[in-house]
Amino acid sequence: MNRRRLVPVSCAVLLATGGAAWAHHSGVMFDRTRTIELKGTVKAFAWTNPHSWIYVVVPNAAGGTEEWGIESGSPSFLVRTDPRWNRKALKAGDAIGVTMHPARDGRRVGVMDQVTFANGDVLKGAGV
């Protein structure tokens, strides 16, 4: 392909695929006008790309429990936010409070603002 055609074709490909990447990272599914705090026990912590996840078991009003998934930024973004973040920062069984912005559609997911440990230590999040 000659250069005269390469530039328009490259631009078309970028425009066609750029929207999907932007939609994935928009975070529009979360209600940033609401902040809630959950207090519960860490079930699992996924230190993964492109987003880290905390799974927390929380007591509910009916006397049972429910599981919440809290999304955060990538490991590298978390470390830039607070260097104390690492793959072992949260362990199954840890009692924590999580401040987050919940999903707009009522699902038990949200985007993390911060984590507070039982001893009062706080780790700031890196939102999506």
N, C-alpha and C. Protein backbone atom coordinates (compact mmCIF):
# COMPACT_ATOMS: atom_id res chain seq x y z
N MET A 1 0.85 -1.18 0.00
CA MET A 1 0.00 0.00 0.00
C MET A 1 0.89 1.24 0.00
N ASN A 2 0.55 2.21 -0.83
CA ASN A 2 1.39 3.40 -0.89
C ASN A 2 1.04 4.36 0.26
N ARG A 3 1.89 5.33 0.49
CA ARG A 3 1.73 6.26 1.61
C ARG A 3 0.47 7.11 1.51
N ARG A 4 0.05 7.43 0.30
CA ARG A 4 -1.14 8.26 0.13
C ARG A 4 -2.38 7.54 0.67
N ARG A 5 -2.38 6.24 0.62
CA ARG A 5 -3.54 5.46 1.12
C ARG A 5 -3.35 5.02 2.57
N LEU A 6 -2.10 4.89 3.00
CA LEU A 6 -1.82 4.40 4.35
C LEU A 6 -2.36 5.34 5.43
N VAL A 7 -2.18 6.62 5.29
CA VAL A 7 -2.63 7.57 6.31
C VAL A 7 -4.15 7.54 6.45
N PRO A 8 -4.94 7.66 5.38
CA PRO A 8 -6.40 7.61 5.57
C PRO A 8 -6.89 6.28 6.14
N VAL A 9 -6.29 5.17 5.70
CA VAL A 9 -6.69 3.86 6.21
C VAL A 9 -6.34 3.75 7.70
N SER A 10 -5.17 4.21 8.09
CA SER A 10 -4.77 4.18 9.50
C SER A 10 -5.71 5.02 10.36
N CYS A 11 -6.07 6.19 9.87
CA CYS A 11 -7.00 7.06 10.60
C CYS A 11 -8.37 6.39 10.74
N ALA A 12 -8.83 5.75 9.71
CA ALA A 12 -10.12 5.07 9.77
C ALA A 12 -10.12 3.95 10.80
N VAL A 13 -9.04 3.20 10.85
CA VAL A 13 -8.93 2.11 11.83
C VAL A 13 -8.92 2.68 13.25
N LEU A 14 -8.17 3.74 13.48
CA LEU A 14 -8.13 4.35 14.81
C LEU A 14 -9.49 4.88 15.22
N LEU A 15 -10.18 5.53 14.33
CA LEU A 15 -11.52 6.05 14.64
C LEU A 15 -12.51 4.92 14.91
N ALA A 16 -12.40 3.86 14.17
CA ALA A 16 -13.34 2.74 14.33
C ALA A 16 -13.13 2.01 15.66
N THR A 17 -11.91 1.92 16.12
CA THR A 17 -11.64 1.16 17.34
C THR A 17 -11.50 2.04 18.57
N GLY A 18 -11.27 3.30 18.42
CA GLY A 18 -11.06 4.20 19.56
C GLY A 18 -12.28 4.34 20.45
N GLY A 19 -13.48 4.29 19.89
CA GLY A 19 -14.70 4.43 20.68
C GLY A 19 -14.88 3.30 21.66
N ALA A 20 -14.56 2.09 21.25
CA ALA A 20 -14.68 0.94 22.16
C ALA A 20 -13.74 1.08 23.34
N ALA A 21 -12.52 1.52 23.10
CA ALA A 21 -11.58 1.70 24.20
C ALA A 21 -12.05 2.81 25.14
N TRP A 22 -12.55 3.90 24.60
CA TRP A 22 -13.05 5.00 25.43
C TRP A 22 -14.25 4.55 26.25
N ALA A 23 -15.18 3.81 25.66
CA ALA A 23 -16.36 3.35 26.37
C ALA A 23 -15.97 2.43 27.52
N HIS A 24 -14.99 1.57 27.30
CA HIS A 24 -14.55 0.66 28.35
C HIS A 24 -14.01 1.42 29.56
N HIS A 25 -13.30 2.49 29.33
CA HIS A 25 -12.66 3.22 30.41
C HIS A 25 -13.45 4.42 30.89
N SER A 26 -14.66 4.60 30.44
CA SER A 26 -15.40 5.80 30.81
C SER A 26 -15.88 5.77 32.25
N GLY A 27 -16.17 4.61 32.82
CA GLY A 27 -16.68 4.55 34.18
C GLY A 27 -18.09 5.06 34.34
N VAL A 28 -18.81 5.21 33.23
CA VAL A 28 -20.16 5.78 33.26
C VAL A 28 -21.14 4.87 34.00
N MET A 29 -20.80 3.62 34.21
CA MET A 29 -21.71 2.71 34.90
C MET A 29 -21.80 3.01 36.40
N PHE A 30 -20.87 3.82 36.92
CA PHE A 30 -20.86 4.14 38.34
C PHE A 30 -21.50 5.50 38.60
N ASP A 31 -22.24 5.58 39.70
CA ASP A 31 -22.91 6.82 40.09
C ASP A 31 -21.96 7.63 40.96
N ARG A 32 -21.24 8.55 40.34
CA ARG A 32 -20.25 9.34 41.06
C ARG A 32 -20.88 10.42 41.94
N THR A 33 -22.19 10.57 41.87
CA THR A 33 -22.87 11.51 42.77
C THR A 33 -23.18 10.87 44.11
N ARG A 34 -23.03 9.55 44.21
CA ARG A 34 -23.30 8.82 45.45
C ARG A 34 -22.02 8.14 45.93
N THR A 35 -21.81 8.21 47.23
CA THR A 35 -20.69 7.51 47.86
C THR A 35 -21.28 6.69 48.99
N ILE A 36 -20.93 5.39 49.02
CA ILE A 36 -21.39 4.54 50.11
C ILE A 36 -20.19 3.88 50.75
N GLU A 37 -20.35 3.46 52.01
CA GLU A 37 -19.29 2.72 52.69
C GLU A 37 -19.82 1.35 53.05
N LEU A 38 -19.05 0.35 52.69
CA LEU A 38 -19.35 -1.03 53.07
C LEU A 38 -18.36 -1.46 54.13
N LYS A 39 -18.84 -2.21 55.11
CA LYS A 39 -17.94 -2.80 56.11
C LYS A 39 -18.13 -4.30 56.03
N GLY A 40 -17.04 -4.99 55.82
CA GLY A 40 -17.14 -6.44 55.67
C GLY A 40 -15.79 -7.11 55.72
N THR A 41 -15.76 -8.30 55.14
CA THR A 41 -14.56 -9.14 55.15
C THR A 41 -14.11 -9.41 53.73
N VAL A 42 -12.83 -9.26 53.49
CA VAL A 42 -12.27 -9.53 52.16
C VAL A 42 -12.44 -11.01 51.85
N LYS A 43 -13.06 -11.29 50.70
CA LYS A 43 -13.15 -12.66 50.21
C LYS A 43 -11.96 -12.95 49.30
N ALA A 44 -11.62 -11.97 48.45
CA ALA A 44 -10.49 -12.12 47.53
C ALA A 44 -10.05 -10.74 47.06
N PHE A 45 -8.78 -10.66 46.66
CA PHE A 45 -8.21 -9.45 46.08
C PHE A 45 -7.50 -9.85 44.81
N ALA A 46 -7.95 -9.31 43.68
CA ALA A 46 -7.36 -9.61 42.38
C ALA A 46 -6.48 -8.45 41.94
N TRP A 47 -5.19 -8.62 42.04
CA TRP A 47 -4.18 -7.62 41.65
C TRP A 47 -3.89 -7.84 40.18
N THR A 48 -4.78 -7.35 39.33
CA THR A 48 -4.73 -7.69 37.91
C THR A 48 -4.84 -6.45 37.02
N ASN A 49 -4.41 -6.62 35.78
CA ASN A 49 -4.60 -5.61 34.75
C ASN A 49 -5.81 -6.00 33.92
N PRO A 50 -6.60 -5.12 33.39
CA PRO A 50 -6.39 -3.68 33.44
C PRO A 50 -6.97 -3.04 34.70
N HIS A 51 -7.71 -3.79 35.51
CA HIS A 51 -8.29 -3.24 36.74
C HIS A 51 -8.13 -4.25 37.87
N SER A 52 -7.82 -3.77 39.06
CA SER A 52 -7.79 -4.62 40.24
C SER A 52 -9.19 -4.69 40.83
N TRP A 53 -9.48 -5.80 41.52
CA TRP A 53 -10.81 -6.00 42.11
C TRP A 53 -10.67 -6.47 43.54
N ILE A 54 -11.57 -5.97 44.40
CA ILE A 54 -11.70 -6.44 45.77
C ILE A 54 -13.09 -7.05 45.88
N TYR A 55 -13.16 -8.27 46.39
CA TYR A 55 -14.44 -8.93 46.61
C TYR A 55 -14.65 -8.98 48.12
N VAL A 56 -15.76 -8.38 48.58
CA VAL A 56 -16.03 -8.22 50.00
C VAL A 56 -17.36 -8.85 50.35
N VAL A 57 -17.39 -9.60 51.45
CA VAL A 57 -18.62 -10.18 51.98
C VAL A 57 -19.12 -9.23 53.07
N VAL A 58 -20.37 -8.77 52.89
CA VAL A 58 -20.93 -7.73 53.73
C VAL A 58 -22.23 -8.23 54.37
N PRO A 59 -22.43 -7.98 55.68
CA PRO A 59 -23.72 -8.34 56.28
C PRO A 59 -24.85 -7.52 55.64
N ASN A 60 -26.02 -8.13 55.47
CA ASN A 60 -27.16 -7.39 54.93
C ASN A 60 -28.25 -7.25 55.97
N ALA A 61 -29.29 -6.48 55.65
CA ALA A 61 -30.38 -6.18 56.58
C ALA A 61 -31.19 -7.41 56.96
N ALA A 62 -31.18 -8.44 56.14
CA ALA A 62 -31.95 -9.66 56.39
C ALA A 62 -31.23 -10.62 57.33
N GLY A 63 -30.03 -10.25 57.78
CA GLY A 63 -29.28 -11.12 58.67
C GLY A 63 -28.32 -12.06 57.96
N GLY A 64 -28.30 -12.00 56.65
CA GLY A 64 -27.38 -12.82 55.86
C GLY A 64 -26.20 -12.00 55.41
N THR A 65 -25.60 -12.45 54.33
CA THR A 65 -24.48 -11.71 53.76
C THR A 65 -24.68 -11.59 52.25
N GLU A 66 -23.98 -10.65 51.68
CA GLU A 66 -23.96 -10.49 50.22
C GLU A 66 -22.55 -10.13 49.80
N GLU A 67 -22.22 -10.51 48.59
CA GLU A 67 -20.88 -10.24 48.07
C GLU A 67 -20.91 -9.03 47.15
N TRP A 68 -19.94 -8.15 47.33
CA TRP A 68 -19.77 -6.97 46.49
C TRP A 68 -18.44 -7.07 45.77
N GLY A 69 -18.41 -6.58 44.54
CA GLY A 69 -17.19 -6.47 43.76
C GLY A 69 -16.84 -5.00 43.62
N ILE A 70 -15.65 -4.64 44.05
CA ILE A 70 -15.22 -3.24 43.99
C ILE A 70 -14.05 -3.14 43.02
N GLU A 71 -14.25 -2.37 41.98
CA GLU A 71 -13.25 -2.19 40.93
C GLU A 71 -12.33 -1.03 41.27
N SER A 72 -11.09 -1.14 40.84
CA SER A 72 -10.14 -0.06 41.01
C SER A 72 -9.25 0.01 39.79
N GLY A 73 -8.27 0.86 39.85
CA GLY A 73 -7.36 1.02 38.73
C GLY A 73 -6.38 -0.15 38.63
N SER A 74 -5.50 -0.05 37.68
CA SER A 74 -4.49 -1.09 37.46
C SER A 74 -3.50 -1.09 38.63
N PRO A 75 -2.76 -2.18 38.80
CA PRO A 75 -1.75 -2.20 39.85
C PRO A 75 -0.76 -1.02 39.77
N SER A 76 -0.30 -0.69 38.58
CA SER A 76 0.65 0.42 38.47
C SER A 76 0.02 1.75 38.86
N PHE A 77 -1.25 1.92 38.54
CA PHE A 77 -1.95 3.16 38.91
C PHE A 77 -2.16 3.22 40.42
N LEU A 78 -2.51 2.08 41.04
CA LEU A 78 -2.68 2.05 42.49
C LEU A 78 -1.38 2.40 43.20
N VAL A 79 -0.27 1.83 42.75
CA VAL A 79 1.03 2.10 43.38
C VAL A 79 1.41 3.57 43.24
N ARG A 80 1.07 4.18 42.12
CA ARG A 80 1.35 5.61 41.96
C ARG A 80 0.48 6.44 42.90
N THR A 81 -0.71 5.96 43.20
CA THR A 81 -1.61 6.66 44.12
C THR A 81 -1.12 6.55 45.55
N ASP A 82 -0.68 5.34 45.93
CA ASP A 82 -0.16 5.09 47.27
C ASP A 82 0.83 3.93 47.18
N PRO A 83 2.11 4.16 47.46
CA PRO A 83 3.13 3.12 47.29
C PRO A 83 2.96 1.91 48.21
N ARG A 84 2.07 1.98 49.18
CA ARG A 84 1.83 0.83 50.05
C ARG A 84 0.98 -0.25 49.37
N TRP A 85 0.35 0.08 48.23
CA TRP A 85 -0.41 -0.93 47.50
C TRP A 85 0.55 -1.98 46.94
N ASN A 86 0.15 -3.24 47.05
CA ASN A 86 0.86 -4.35 46.42
C ASN A 86 -0.08 -5.55 46.41
N ARG A 87 0.35 -6.64 45.83
CA ARG A 87 -0.52 -7.81 45.68
C ARG A 87 -0.93 -8.42 47.01
N LYS A 88 -0.21 -8.08 48.10
CA LYS A 88 -0.52 -8.62 49.42
C LYS A 88 -1.16 -7.58 50.34
N ALA A 89 -1.54 -6.43 49.80
CA ALA A 89 -2.11 -5.36 50.62
C ALA A 89 -3.41 -5.80 51.30
N LEU A 90 -4.19 -6.63 50.62
CA LEU A 90 -5.44 -7.16 51.17
C LEU A 90 -5.39 -8.67 51.12
N LYS A 91 -5.82 -9.29 52.21
CA LYS A 91 -5.83 -10.75 52.27
C LYS A 91 -7.22 -11.24 52.63
N ALA A 92 -7.57 -12.41 52.16
CA ALA A 92 -8.85 -13.02 52.52
C ALA A 92 -8.96 -13.05 54.04
N GLY A 93 -10.09 -12.61 54.54
CA GLY A 93 -10.33 -12.58 55.98
C GLY A 93 -10.10 -11.23 56.62
N ASP A 94 -9.43 -10.29 55.92
CA ASP A 94 -9.22 -8.96 56.47
C ASP A 94 -10.56 -8.25 56.66
N ALA A 95 -10.74 -7.62 57.82
CA ALA A 95 -11.92 -6.78 58.07
C ALA A 95 -11.59 -5.39 57.54
N ILE A 96 -12.43 -4.90 56.64
CA ILE A 96 -12.17 -3.58 56.03
C ILE A 96 -13.47 -2.80 55.88
N GLY A 97 -13.30 -1.51 55.70
CA GLY A 97 -14.36 -0.63 55.23
C GLY A 97 -13.94 -0.15 53.85
N VAL A 98 -14.88 -0.08 52.92
CA VAL A 98 -14.57 0.39 51.58
C VAL A 98 -15.52 1.52 51.23
N THR A 99 -14.95 2.68 50.92
CA THR A 99 -15.75 3.80 50.43
C THR A 99 -15.72 3.72 48.91
N MET A 100 -16.91 3.78 48.29
CA MET A 100 -16.98 3.56 46.86
C MET A 100 -18.18 4.26 46.25
N HIS A 101 -18.17 4.33 44.93
CA HIS A 101 -19.30 4.84 44.15
C HIS A 101 -20.00 3.63 43.55
N PRO A 102 -21.28 3.42 43.89
CA PRO A 102 -21.98 2.21 43.45
C PRO A 102 -22.39 2.26 41.97
N ALA A 103 -22.74 1.09 41.46
CA ALA A 103 -23.24 1.00 40.09
C ALA A 103 -24.59 1.70 39.99
N ARG A 104 -24.85 2.31 38.87
CA ARG A 104 -26.13 3.00 38.64
C ARG A 104 -27.31 2.03 38.57
N ASP A 105 -27.06 0.81 38.10
CA ASP A 105 -28.15 -0.13 37.86
C ASP A 105 -28.50 -1.00 39.07
N GLY A 106 -27.89 -0.75 40.22
CA GLY A 106 -28.25 -1.47 41.44
C GLY A 106 -27.48 -2.75 41.68
N ARG A 107 -26.65 -3.16 40.73
CA ARG A 107 -25.83 -4.36 40.98
C ARG A 107 -24.89 -4.09 42.14
N ARG A 108 -24.43 -5.13 42.78
CA ARG A 108 -23.54 -5.00 43.94
C ARG A 108 -22.09 -4.88 43.47
N VAL A 109 -21.83 -3.81 42.75
CA VAL A 109 -20.48 -3.47 42.31
C VAL A 109 -20.30 -1.96 42.46
N GLY A 110 -19.05 -1.56 42.50
CA GLY A 110 -18.76 -0.14 42.59
C GLY A 110 -17.32 0.12 42.23
N VAL A 111 -16.97 1.40 42.22
CA VAL A 111 -15.58 1.80 41.96
C VAL A 111 -15.03 2.39 43.26
N MET A 112 -13.86 1.91 43.65
CA MET A 112 -13.27 2.24 44.94
C MET A 112 -12.80 3.68 45.04
N ASP A 113 -13.03 4.24 46.22
CA ASP A 113 -12.46 5.53 46.59
C ASP A 113 -11.31 5.31 47.57
N GLN A 114 -11.59 4.50 48.63
CA GLN A 114 -10.53 4.17 49.57
C GLN A 114 -10.90 2.94 50.38
N VAL A 115 -9.88 2.33 51.00
CA VAL A 115 -10.04 1.19 51.88
C VAL A 115 -9.55 1.60 53.25
N THR A 116 -10.33 1.28 54.29
CA THR A 116 -9.93 1.55 55.66
C THR A 116 -9.82 0.23 56.40
N PHE A 117 -8.67 0.01 57.03
CA PHE A 117 -8.43 -1.22 57.79
C PHE A 117 -8.95 -1.06 59.21
N ALA A 118 -9.08 -2.19 59.91
CA ALA A 118 -9.59 -2.19 61.29
C ALA A 118 -8.74 -1.31 62.21
N ASN A 119 -7.43 -1.18 61.93
CA ASN A 119 -6.55 -0.36 62.77
C ASN A 119 -6.60 1.12 62.40
N GLY A 120 -7.43 1.48 61.41
CA GLY A 120 -7.57 2.89 61.01
C GLY A 120 -6.73 3.30 59.83
N ASP A 121 -5.77 2.47 59.41
CA ASP A 121 -4.97 2.80 58.22
C ASP A 121 -5.86 2.91 57.00
N VAL A 122 -5.54 3.85 56.12
CA VAL A 122 -6.33 4.09 54.91
C VAL A 122 -5.43 3.97 53.70
N LEU A 123 -5.92 3.26 52.69
CA LEU A 123 -5.28 3.22 51.37
C LEU A 123 -6.22 3.89 50.38
N LYS A 124 -5.74 4.93 49.74
CA LYS A 124 -6.53 5.62 48.73
C LYS A 124 -6.61 4.76 47.48
N GLY A 125 -7.74 4.83 46.83
CA GLY A 125 -7.94 4.08 45.61
C GLY A 125 -7.54 4.86 44.38
N ALA A 126 -7.62 4.19 43.28
CA ALA A 126 -7.35 4.80 41.98
C ALA A 126 -8.52 4.40 41.10
N GLY A 127 -9.49 5.26 41.02
CA GLY A 127 -10.73 4.93 40.32
C GLY A 127 -10.57 4.70 38.83
N VAL A 128 -11.62 4.17 38.29
CA VAL A 128 -11.68 3.82 36.88
C VAL A 128 -12.14 5.03 36.10
